[in-house]
Structure formats: C-alpha cells, structure tokens
Amino acid sequence: MKVGIIRCMQTEDYCPGTADFRALREKTGAFAGLDGDLELVGFTSCGGCPGKKAALRARELAKRGAQVIALASCIQKGTPIGYPCPFAQNMKELVAAQLGSDIQLLDHTH
C-alpha cells in the first residue's frame, strides 16, 4: 500500500520526520491497521498556516500513487512542539473533500 504524509510546516526545524518514518516502517501508530507492505511515495508540508495547500498536496500525492494520506502527528497532536495546529480539523475536512472516498485519510502518524 502506498502512503503519502503531510506534515506541519512550522515543525520542519524541529523534526526531520524520524518518528513518522519509524511508525510507517514498523506499522505502528496509525499505520498499525493497514494491510500489506507500506511504501512511502511522498513527504511534504501543509504549505504553512492556515494549511490551505494541504488539499492540493494531498491530490498530488494521490496522483503519484498514494492510497493512504496521513496527516502527521505534528498537525493533530502538536508533537514535537506541544502545539496542535489550530486549523487541523478544517485542514482534514478540506483534504477529505479533495480526495473523496477512494483514498484513506489518517489523522496522525505515531
């Protein structure tokens, strides 16, 4: 199964995505319930506050084969800076509307 991850642009200086990649590789966190081998097809940011580019970037990940799009834990849970995105729910709704029902959407990674 091919996976794309969208992260918070504000956390790029603090987090290189190590925990996201580990969760994907070890099939833990939000990836635990996914079947088969997992392949990362892209890792990108939301584009910055208020996350309006997340929907476009999710669509591009899907064009590149992603069957699952995960919003990284930095968006929903606020890791590692301890500040969840105030636009997380709206971003999730925009991404879900962009993708439709064919692409699975995960609201965190680890």
N, C-alpha and C. Protein backbone atom coordinates (compact mmCIF):
# COMPACT_ATOMS: atom_id res chain seq x y z
N MET A 1 0.85 -1.16 0.00
CA MET A 1 0.00 0.00 0.00
C MET A 1 0.90 1.23 0.00
N LYS A 2 0.57 2.20 -0.83
CA LYS A 2 1.37 3.40 -0.96
C LYS A 2 0.81 4.52 -0.08
N VAL A 3 1.73 5.21 0.62
CA VAL A 3 1.36 6.20 1.62
C VAL A 3 2.03 7.53 1.33
N GLY A 4 1.29 8.61 1.52
CA GLY A 4 1.83 9.96 1.48
C GLY A 4 1.60 10.60 2.84
N ILE A 5 2.57 11.39 3.29
CA ILE A 5 2.46 12.04 4.60
C ILE A 5 2.54 13.55 4.40
N ILE A 6 1.61 14.26 5.04
CA ILE A 6 1.62 15.71 5.06
C ILE A 6 1.93 16.16 6.48
N ARG A 7 2.94 17.00 6.62
CA ARG A 7 3.38 17.45 7.93
C ARG A 7 3.13 18.94 8.11
N CYS A 8 3.29 19.40 9.33
CA CYS A 8 3.18 20.83 9.65
C CYS A 8 4.45 21.54 9.24
N MET A 9 4.32 22.60 8.48
CA MET A 9 5.49 23.35 8.04
C MET A 9 6.22 24.01 9.21
N GLN A 10 5.48 24.35 10.26
CA GLN A 10 6.08 25.02 11.42
C GLN A 10 7.03 24.12 12.20
N THR A 11 6.91 22.80 12.04
CA THR A 11 7.77 21.89 12.81
C THR A 11 8.99 21.41 12.04
N GLU A 12 9.15 21.85 10.80
CA GLU A 12 10.27 21.37 9.98
C GLU A 12 11.63 21.60 10.63
N ASP A 13 11.80 22.68 11.36
CA ASP A 13 13.08 22.96 12.00
C ASP A 13 13.34 22.07 13.21
N TYR A 14 12.28 21.50 13.78
CA TYR A 14 12.38 20.69 14.99
C TYR A 14 12.38 19.20 14.73
N CYS A 15 11.79 18.79 13.63
CA CYS A 15 11.55 17.37 13.41
C CYS A 15 11.82 16.97 11.96
N PRO A 16 12.75 16.04 11.75
CA PRO A 16 13.02 15.57 10.39
C PRO A 16 12.09 14.45 9.93
N GLY A 17 11.09 14.11 10.73
CA GLY A 17 10.13 13.07 10.33
C GLY A 17 10.52 11.67 10.78
N THR A 18 11.54 11.55 11.60
CA THR A 18 12.05 10.25 12.02
C THR A 18 10.96 9.36 12.63
N ALA A 19 10.16 9.91 13.53
CA ALA A 19 9.12 9.11 14.18
C ALA A 19 8.03 8.70 13.18
N ASP A 20 7.75 9.56 12.22
CA ASP A 20 6.77 9.23 11.17
C ASP A 20 7.27 8.05 10.34
N PHE A 21 8.54 8.13 9.94
CA PHE A 21 9.13 7.06 9.12
C PHE A 21 9.23 5.75 9.90
N ARG A 22 9.55 5.83 11.20
CA ARG A 22 9.63 4.63 12.02
C ARG A 22 8.25 3.98 12.16
N ALA A 23 7.24 4.80 12.41
CA ALA A 23 5.88 4.26 12.54
C ALA A 23 5.43 3.58 11.25
N LEU A 24 5.77 4.19 10.11
CA LEU A 24 5.43 3.59 8.82
C LEU A 24 6.17 2.27 8.62
N ARG A 25 7.48 2.28 8.87
CA ARG A 25 8.31 1.10 8.67
C ARG A 25 7.89 -0.05 9.59
N GLU A 26 7.59 0.27 10.86
CA GLU A 26 7.25 -0.76 11.85
C GLU A 26 5.75 -1.03 11.93
N LYS A 27 4.95 -0.30 11.14
CA LYS A 27 3.49 -0.44 11.13
C LYS A 27 2.92 -0.28 12.54
N THR A 28 3.28 0.83 13.18
CA THR A 28 2.74 1.18 14.49
C THR A 28 1.92 2.46 14.34
N GLY A 29 1.35 2.92 15.44
CA GLY A 29 0.54 4.13 15.40
C GLY A 29 -0.61 3.98 14.43
N ALA A 30 -0.86 4.99 13.65
CA ALA A 30 -1.98 4.97 12.71
C ALA A 30 -1.79 3.96 11.59
N PHE A 31 -0.55 3.51 11.38
CA PHE A 31 -0.27 2.56 10.30
C PHE A 31 -0.50 1.11 10.72
N ALA A 32 -0.76 0.87 11.99
CA ALA A 32 -0.90 -0.50 12.51
C ALA A 32 -2.03 -1.27 11.83
N GLY A 33 -3.09 -0.61 11.46
CA GLY A 33 -4.23 -1.30 10.88
C GLY A 33 -4.18 -1.48 9.37
N LEU A 34 -3.12 -1.02 8.73
CA LEU A 34 -3.04 -1.12 7.28
C LEU A 34 -2.50 -2.48 6.86
N ASP A 35 -3.04 -3.01 5.79
CA ASP A 35 -2.64 -4.33 5.29
C ASP A 35 -1.48 -4.24 4.32
N GLY A 36 -0.67 -5.30 4.31
CA GLY A 36 0.40 -5.42 3.32
C GLY A 36 1.60 -4.54 3.61
N ASP A 37 2.52 -4.57 2.67
CA ASP A 37 3.72 -3.74 2.77
C ASP A 37 3.36 -2.28 2.54
N LEU A 38 4.05 -1.39 3.25
CA LEU A 38 3.80 0.04 3.11
C LEU A 38 4.98 0.69 2.40
N GLU A 39 4.67 1.56 1.45
CA GLU A 39 5.69 2.27 0.70
C GLU A 39 5.39 3.77 0.75
N LEU A 40 6.37 4.55 1.15
CA LEU A 40 6.21 5.99 1.20
C LEU A 40 6.41 6.56 -0.20
N VAL A 41 5.40 7.30 -0.68
CA VAL A 41 5.52 7.90 -2.02
C VAL A 41 5.81 9.39 -1.95
N GLY A 42 5.62 9.99 -0.77
CA GLY A 42 5.91 11.41 -0.63
C GLY A 42 5.75 11.88 0.79
N PHE A 43 6.54 12.90 1.14
CA PHE A 43 6.53 13.51 2.47
C PHE A 43 6.64 15.00 2.23
N THR A 44 5.56 15.73 2.51
CA THR A 44 5.52 17.15 2.20
C THR A 44 4.87 17.92 3.34
N SER A 45 4.92 19.23 3.28
CA SER A 45 4.30 20.04 4.32
C SER A 45 2.92 20.51 3.88
N CYS A 46 2.22 21.08 4.84
CA CYS A 46 0.88 21.63 4.57
C CYS A 46 0.96 22.94 3.79
N GLY A 47 2.17 23.50 3.70
CA GLY A 47 2.36 24.76 3.00
C GLY A 47 2.35 25.97 3.92
N GLY A 48 2.18 25.74 5.20
CA GLY A 48 2.15 26.84 6.16
C GLY A 48 0.73 27.23 6.54
N CYS A 49 0.61 27.95 7.61
CA CYS A 49 -0.70 28.35 8.14
C CYS A 49 -1.44 29.21 7.12
N PRO A 50 -2.73 28.94 6.95
CA PRO A 50 -3.61 28.03 7.68
C PRO A 50 -3.76 26.64 7.06
N GLY A 51 -2.79 26.19 6.32
CA GLY A 51 -2.83 24.83 5.77
C GLY A 51 -3.65 24.66 4.51
N LYS A 52 -3.89 25.76 3.81
CA LYS A 52 -4.72 25.70 2.60
C LYS A 52 -4.11 24.88 1.48
N LYS A 53 -2.79 24.72 1.48
CA LYS A 53 -2.14 23.95 0.42
C LYS A 53 -2.18 22.44 0.67
N ALA A 54 -2.64 22.03 1.83
CA ALA A 54 -2.67 20.61 2.16
C ALA A 54 -3.55 19.82 1.20
N ALA A 55 -4.68 20.38 0.80
CA ALA A 55 -5.58 19.67 -0.12
C ALA A 55 -4.92 19.47 -1.48
N LEU A 56 -4.28 20.51 -1.99
CA LEU A 56 -3.57 20.41 -3.26
C LEU A 56 -2.45 19.37 -3.16
N ARG A 57 -1.71 19.40 -2.08
CA ARG A 57 -0.60 18.48 -1.91
C ARG A 57 -1.08 17.04 -1.73
N ALA A 58 -2.22 16.86 -1.08
CA ALA A 58 -2.80 15.52 -0.96
C ALA A 58 -3.19 14.99 -2.33
N ARG A 59 -3.78 15.85 -3.14
CA ARG A 59 -4.15 15.45 -4.51
C ARG A 59 -2.92 15.05 -5.31
N GLU A 60 -1.84 15.79 -5.16
CA GLU A 60 -0.61 15.46 -5.88
C GLU A 60 -0.02 14.14 -5.39
N LEU A 61 -0.08 13.88 -4.09
CA LEU A 61 0.39 12.59 -3.57
C LEU A 61 -0.45 11.45 -4.14
N ALA A 62 -1.76 11.66 -4.22
CA ALA A 62 -2.65 10.64 -4.80
C ALA A 62 -2.32 10.41 -6.27
N LYS A 63 -2.01 11.47 -7.01
CA LYS A 63 -1.63 11.32 -8.42
C LYS A 63 -0.36 10.47 -8.56
N ARG A 64 0.47 10.52 -7.54
CA ARG A 64 1.72 9.75 -7.54
C ARG A 64 1.56 8.37 -6.93
N GLY A 65 0.30 7.97 -6.72
CA GLY A 65 0.02 6.60 -6.32
C GLY A 65 -0.39 6.39 -4.88
N ALA A 66 -0.40 7.43 -4.05
CA ALA A 66 -0.77 7.24 -2.65
C ALA A 66 -2.21 6.74 -2.53
N GLN A 67 -2.36 5.66 -1.79
CA GLN A 67 -3.68 5.11 -1.49
C GLN A 67 -4.14 5.54 -0.10
N VAL A 68 -3.18 6.00 0.69
CA VAL A 68 -3.42 6.48 2.05
C VAL A 68 -2.68 7.81 2.19
N ILE A 69 -3.35 8.79 2.76
CA ILE A 69 -2.71 10.06 3.11
C ILE A 69 -2.80 10.19 4.63
N ALA A 70 -1.65 10.42 5.25
CA ALA A 70 -1.60 10.61 6.70
C ALA A 70 -1.24 12.05 7.00
N LEU A 71 -2.04 12.70 7.84
CA LEU A 71 -1.65 13.99 8.38
C LEU A 71 -0.75 13.67 9.56
N ALA A 72 0.47 14.12 9.53
CA ALA A 72 1.45 13.77 10.55
C ALA A 72 1.00 14.20 11.94
N SER A 73 1.53 13.55 12.94
CA SER A 73 1.15 13.81 14.33
C SER A 73 1.39 15.25 14.76
N CYS A 74 2.32 15.94 14.10
CA CYS A 74 2.56 17.34 14.43
C CYS A 74 1.33 18.20 14.18
N ILE A 75 0.52 17.82 13.23
CA ILE A 75 -0.68 18.60 12.93
C ILE A 75 -1.76 18.38 13.99
N GLN A 76 -2.14 17.16 14.21
CA GLN A 76 -3.26 16.85 15.10
C GLN A 76 -2.87 16.85 16.59
N LYS A 77 -1.68 16.30 16.88
CA LYS A 77 -1.26 16.15 18.27
C LYS A 77 -0.30 17.24 18.74
N GLY A 78 0.31 17.95 17.82
CA GLY A 78 1.22 19.02 18.18
C GLY A 78 2.63 18.58 18.52
N THR A 79 2.97 17.33 18.23
CA THR A 79 4.33 16.87 18.52
C THR A 79 5.27 17.38 17.43
N PRO A 80 6.47 17.77 17.70
CA PRO A 80 7.18 17.78 18.97
C PRO A 80 7.11 19.10 19.71
N ILE A 81 6.43 20.11 19.18
CA ILE A 81 6.49 21.43 19.81
C ILE A 81 5.39 21.66 20.85
N GLY A 82 4.49 20.68 21.00
CA GLY A 82 3.45 20.81 22.03
C GLY A 82 2.34 21.77 21.67
N TYR A 83 2.15 22.02 20.38
CA TYR A 83 1.14 22.96 19.95
C TYR A 83 0.40 22.39 18.74
N PRO A 84 -0.77 21.78 18.96
CA PRO A 84 -1.54 21.26 17.84
C PRO A 84 -1.97 22.39 16.89
N CYS A 85 -2.07 22.07 15.65
CA CYS A 85 -2.48 23.05 14.65
C CYS A 85 -3.92 23.51 14.92
N PRO A 86 -4.13 24.81 15.04
CA PRO A 86 -5.50 25.29 15.26
C PRO A 86 -6.39 25.12 14.03
N PHE A 87 -5.78 24.80 12.89
CA PHE A 87 -6.52 24.61 11.65
C PHE A 87 -6.67 23.13 11.29
N ALA A 88 -6.28 22.23 12.19
CA ALA A 88 -6.22 20.79 11.89
C ALA A 88 -7.55 20.24 11.39
N GLN A 89 -8.63 20.52 12.08
CA GLN A 89 -9.92 19.96 11.68
C GLN A 89 -10.35 20.47 10.31
N ASN A 90 -10.18 21.76 10.09
CA ASN A 90 -10.54 22.33 8.79
C ASN A 90 -9.67 21.74 7.69
N MET A 91 -8.38 21.60 7.98
CA MET A 91 -7.46 21.02 7.00
C MET A 91 -7.87 19.59 6.67
N LYS A 92 -8.20 18.82 7.69
CA LYS A 92 -8.62 17.43 7.48
C LYS A 92 -9.88 17.37 6.60
N GLU A 93 -10.83 18.25 6.84
CA GLU A 93 -12.05 18.29 6.04
C GLU A 93 -11.76 18.67 4.59
N LEU A 94 -10.87 19.64 4.39
CA LEU A 94 -10.52 20.05 3.02
C LEU A 94 -9.81 18.92 2.27
N VAL A 95 -8.91 18.25 2.96
CA VAL A 95 -8.19 17.13 2.34
C VAL A 95 -9.16 16.00 2.01
N ALA A 96 -10.03 15.67 2.95
CA ALA A 96 -11.00 14.59 2.73
C ALA A 96 -11.91 14.91 1.53
N ALA A 97 -12.35 16.14 1.43
CA ALA A 97 -13.21 16.54 0.31
C ALA A 97 -12.45 16.46 -1.01
N GLN A 98 -11.18 16.79 -0.98
CA GLN A 98 -10.36 16.75 -2.19
C GLN A 98 -10.14 15.31 -2.66
N LEU A 99 -9.96 14.40 -1.70
CA LEU A 99 -9.61 13.02 -2.04
C LEU A 99 -10.80 12.14 -2.35
N GLY A 100 -11.94 12.42 -1.77
CA GLY A 100 -13.08 11.53 -1.95
C GLY A 100 -12.91 10.27 -1.14
N SER A 101 -13.69 9.27 -1.44
CA SER A 101 -13.71 8.04 -0.63
C SER A 101 -12.71 6.98 -1.09
N ASP A 102 -12.05 7.20 -2.20
CA ASP A 102 -11.10 6.20 -2.72
C ASP A 102 -9.78 6.17 -1.96
N ILE A 103 -9.41 7.28 -1.32
CA ILE A 103 -8.15 7.41 -0.61
C ILE A 103 -8.44 7.45 0.88
N GLN A 104 -7.74 6.63 1.63
CA GLN A 104 -7.92 6.59 3.08
C GLN A 104 -7.15 7.75 3.70
N LEU A 105 -7.74 8.41 4.69
CA LEU A 105 -7.12 9.55 5.37
C LEU A 105 -6.89 9.20 6.83
N LEU A 106 -5.64 9.32 7.28
CA LEU A 106 -5.27 9.09 8.67
C LEU A 106 -5.01 10.44 9.32
N ASP A 107 -5.49 10.65 10.55
CA ASP A 107 -5.33 11.97 11.17
C ASP A 107 -4.11 12.09 12.08
N HIS A 108 -3.25 11.08 12.09
CA HIS A 108 -1.97 11.15 12.79
C HIS A 108 -1.05 10.06 12.24
N THR A 109 0.18 10.05 12.70
CA THR A 109 1.11 9.01 12.24
C THR A 109 1.57 8.14 13.41
N HIS A 110 2.08 8.76 14.44
CA HIS A 110 2.63 7.98 15.58
C HIS A 110 2.01 8.41 16.88
